[in-house]
Amino acid sequence: MSFSRHVRADLAESWRRFWTQPNKAYRNFHIAFFLLGVHFLIPSFTYAFNPQGAIGQLKWLGELLGAGPYPYAEDGFAWRVLGAGYVFTLAFMCFLIESNVRRFYAVLIPLCVLKAYSSIGFLIAYLFAYSYTPFLGIFIWDGVNVLMFLYFAHTAYWSLEEWGEESVVPRLFFRK
């Protein structure tokens, strides 16, 4: 058998073991936190290297929702770097919790605080500064993210009590 067939067979076996593991809550947690981490990682690079593309998406969403033109210029390097760092930190925390939910469960607190603060900030901006419809949408989406963090991390953490660490795929990383 060739090397590529071995790799494909190993990947297929790993996927099968992951998908059919008895601890479904742990599997769902991994899928959700991986997708959330990627959902933050890609925008962090977009904010850093293509800020006009990120603002273009916000403007496009505003047009789609009938909100009118976005009235603010987003040209500052300081805020761009801070925003990229913030979103990269969210991605890092998602991947860290995903690597070992039991050991890094406490990271869930700053993750939720950061995202909830962002959510509330967009609601305040929508209500008191500028009623730009995408701000309301971001408030809702960020709030849903916080609920997803809490639900999936919590169910995975407690499912390890029921199923144990030996049955989970993939194994917990960074063990003590």
Protein backbone atom coordinates (compact mmCIF):
# COMPACT_ATOMS: atom_id res chain seq x y z
CA MET A 1 0.00 0.00 0.00
CA SER A 2 1.30 3.46 -0.86
CA PHE A 3 2.00 6.16 1.65
CA SER A 4 -0.99 8.25 0.54
CA ARG A 5 -3.33 5.27 0.94
CA HIS A 6 -2.02 4.70 4.46
CA VAL A 7 -2.60 8.36 5.30
CA ARG A 8 -6.10 8.26 3.83
CA ALA A 9 -6.91 5.06 5.70
CA ASP A 10 -5.59 6.52 8.96
CA LEU A 11 -7.59 9.72 8.47
CA ALA A 12 -10.72 7.76 7.63
CA GLU A 13 -10.28 5.61 10.74
CA SER A 14 -9.67 8.67 12.93
CA TRP A 15 -12.78 10.36 11.53
CA ARG A 16 -14.84 7.21 12.08
CA ARG A 17 -13.67 6.90 15.71
CA PHE A 18 -14.35 10.62 16.29
CA TRP A 19 -17.80 10.54 14.73
CA THR A 20 -18.97 7.29 16.37
CA GLN A 21 -17.57 7.84 19.86
CA PRO A 22 -20.08 7.22 22.64
CA ASN A 23 -19.61 10.68 24.19
CA LYS A 24 -21.66 12.76 21.75
CA ALA A 25 -21.52 15.90 23.90
CA TYR A 26 -17.71 15.87 23.72
CA ARG A 27 -17.81 15.33 19.95
CA ASN A 28 -20.28 18.19 19.46
CA PHE A 29 -18.16 20.42 21.69
CA HIS A 30 -15.12 19.78 19.49
CA ILE A 31 -17.02 20.57 16.31
CA ALA A 32 -18.53 23.75 17.76
CA PHE A 33 -15.33 25.09 19.34
CA PHE A 34 -13.27 24.31 16.23
CA LEU A 35 -15.76 26.20 14.07
CA LEU A 36 -15.94 29.08 16.55
CA GLY A 37 -12.14 29.26 16.68
CA VAL A 38 -11.90 29.39 12.89
CA HIS A 39 -14.78 31.88 12.88
CA PHE A 40 -12.54 34.22 14.94
CA LEU A 41 -9.15 33.34 13.43
CA ILE A 42 -10.01 34.26 9.84
CA PRO A 43 -11.46 37.70 10.72
CA SER A 44 -8.44 38.45 12.90
CA PHE A 45 -6.22 38.19 9.83
CA THR A 46 -8.76 40.09 7.74
CA TYR A 47 -8.78 42.94 10.28
CA ALA A 48 -4.99 43.01 10.33
CA PHE A 49 -4.22 42.70 6.62
CA ASN A 50 -7.40 43.79 4.81
CA PRO A 51 -9.33 46.19 7.05
CA GLN A 52 -11.19 47.74 4.13
CA GLY A 53 -12.48 44.27 3.24
CA ALA A 54 -13.87 43.87 6.75
CA ILE A 55 -15.53 47.30 6.62
CA GLY A 56 -16.78 46.44 3.13
CA GLN A 57 -18.55 43.39 4.56
CA LEU A 58 -20.17 45.56 7.25
CA LYS A 59 -21.30 48.05 4.61
CA TRP A 60 -22.63 45.23 2.42
CA LEU A 61 -24.59 43.82 5.37
CA GLY A 62 -25.99 47.29 6.04
CA GLU A 63 -27.14 47.63 2.44
CA LEU A 64 -28.65 44.15 2.53
CA LEU A 65 -30.62 45.06 5.66
CA GLY A 66 -31.66 48.46 4.29
CA ALA A 67 -29.66 50.41 6.86
CA GLY A 68 -28.24 53.00 4.52
CA PRO A 69 -24.59 54.00 4.20
CA TYR A 70 -22.10 53.42 7.00
CA PRO A 71 -21.18 56.95 8.10
CA TYR A 72 -17.84 56.39 9.85
CA ALA A 73 -14.29 56.25 8.53
CA GLU A 74 -12.33 53.28 9.89
CA ASP A 75 -8.75 54.24 9.05
CA GLY A 76 -6.98 54.15 12.43
CA PHE A 77 -4.09 51.73 12.82
CA ALA A 78 -4.35 51.60 16.61
CA TRP A 79 -7.95 50.38 16.60
CA ARG A 80 -7.26 48.00 13.74
CA VAL A 81 -4.39 46.36 15.61
CA LEU A 82 -6.41 46.22 18.84
CA GLY A 83 -9.40 44.69 17.02
CA ALA A 84 -7.25 42.09 15.27
CA GLY A 85 -5.54 41.19 18.55
CA TYR A 86 -8.86 40.93 20.36
CA VAL A 87 -10.39 38.59 17.79
CA PHE A 88 -7.18 36.53 17.60
CA THR A 89 -7.33 36.17 21.39
CA LEU A 90 -10.89 34.85 21.11
CA ALA A 91 -9.70 32.26 18.57
CA PHE A 92 -6.78 31.26 20.78
CA MET A 93 -9.06 30.82 23.79
CA CYS A 94 -11.49 28.66 21.76
CA PHE A 95 -8.64 26.40 20.60
CA LEU A 96 -7.15 26.28 24.10
CA ILE A 97 -10.44 25.18 25.67
CA GLU A 98 -10.92 22.69 22.83
CA SER A 99 -7.51 21.15 23.52
CA ASN A 100 -8.46 20.22 27.09
CA VAL A 101 -11.83 21.40 28.35
CA ARG A 102 -11.19 19.98 31.79
CA ARG A 103 -7.87 21.75 32.36
CA PHE A 104 -8.74 25.05 30.65
CA TYR A 105 -12.39 25.32 31.69
CA ALA A 106 -11.60 28.54 33.60
CA VAL A 107 -10.64 30.21 30.29
CA LEU A 108 -14.34 30.12 29.51
CA ILE A 109 -14.84 33.05 31.93
CA PRO A 110 -12.69 35.64 30.08
CA LEU A 111 -13.91 34.27 26.74
CA CYS A 112 -17.53 34.91 27.72
CA VAL A 113 -16.74 38.27 29.33
CA LEU A 114 -14.94 39.55 26.21
CA LYS A 115 -17.66 38.44 23.84
CA ALA A 116 -20.51 39.60 26.08
CA TYR A 117 -18.84 43.01 26.44
CA SER A 118 -18.62 43.25 22.65
CA SER A 119 -22.25 42.24 22.33
CA ILE A 120 -23.44 44.82 24.84
CA GLY A 121 -21.22 47.46 23.25
CA PHE A 122 -22.91 46.99 19.89
CA LEU A 123 -26.33 47.18 21.54
CA ILE A 124 -25.37 50.44 23.24
CA ALA A 125 -24.01 51.79 19.96
CA TYR A 126 -27.24 50.80 18.22
CA LEU A 127 -29.53 52.29 20.89
CA PHE A 128 -27.67 55.48 21.80
CA ALA A 129 -25.15 56.38 19.09
CA TYR A 130 -26.26 55.33 15.63
CA SER A 131 -29.16 53.02 14.77
CA TYR A 132 -27.23 51.07 12.16
CA THR A 133 -29.07 47.74 11.74
CA PRO A 134 -25.92 45.59 11.50
CA PHE A 135 -25.01 46.75 15.02
CA LEU A 136 -28.18 45.07 16.26
CA GLY A 137 -27.31 41.95 14.27
CA ILE A 138 -23.80 41.86 15.74
CA PHE A 139 -25.29 42.24 19.23
CA ILE A 140 -27.50 39.20 18.60
CA TRP A 141 -24.75 37.11 16.98
CA ASP A 142 -22.23 37.87 19.74
CA GLY A 143 -24.84 36.96 22.35
CA VAL A 144 -25.49 33.67 20.56
CA ASN A 145 -21.72 33.05 20.60
CA VAL A 146 -21.65 33.47 24.38
CA LEU A 147 -24.52 31.00 24.76
CA MET A 148 -22.71 28.55 22.48
CA PHE A 149 -19.51 28.87 24.53
CA LEU A 150 -21.39 28.15 27.73
CA TYR A 151 -23.53 25.32 26.41
CA PHE A 152 -20.90 23.31 24.53
CA ALA A 153 -18.05 23.74 27.03
CA HIS A 154 -20.31 22.99 29.98
CA THR A 155 -21.86 19.86 28.45
CA ALA A 156 -18.43 18.55 27.37
CA TYR A 157 -16.92 19.24 30.78
CA TRP A 158 -19.64 17.35 32.61
CA SER A 159 -19.81 14.57 30.03
CA LEU A 160 -16.21 13.74 30.94
CA GLU A 161 -17.44 13.02 34.47
CA GLU A 162 -19.92 10.50 33.09
CA TRP A 163 -17.85 8.90 30.30
CA GLY A 164 -14.31 9.43 31.56
CA GLU A 165 -11.31 10.62 29.60
CA GLU A 166 -10.37 7.24 28.17
CA SER A 167 -13.30 7.04 25.76
CA VAL A 168 -12.97 10.47 24.13
CA VAL A 169 -11.63 11.11 20.64
CA PRO A 170 -9.39 13.07 20.38
CA ARG A 171 -7.69 12.62 23.71
CA LEU A 172 -7.27 15.58 26.04
CA PHE A 173 -4.07 17.52 25.37
CA PHE A 174 -1.89 19.30 27.96
CA ARG A 175 -2.57 16.83 30.73
CA LYS A 176 -1.04 17.56 34.12
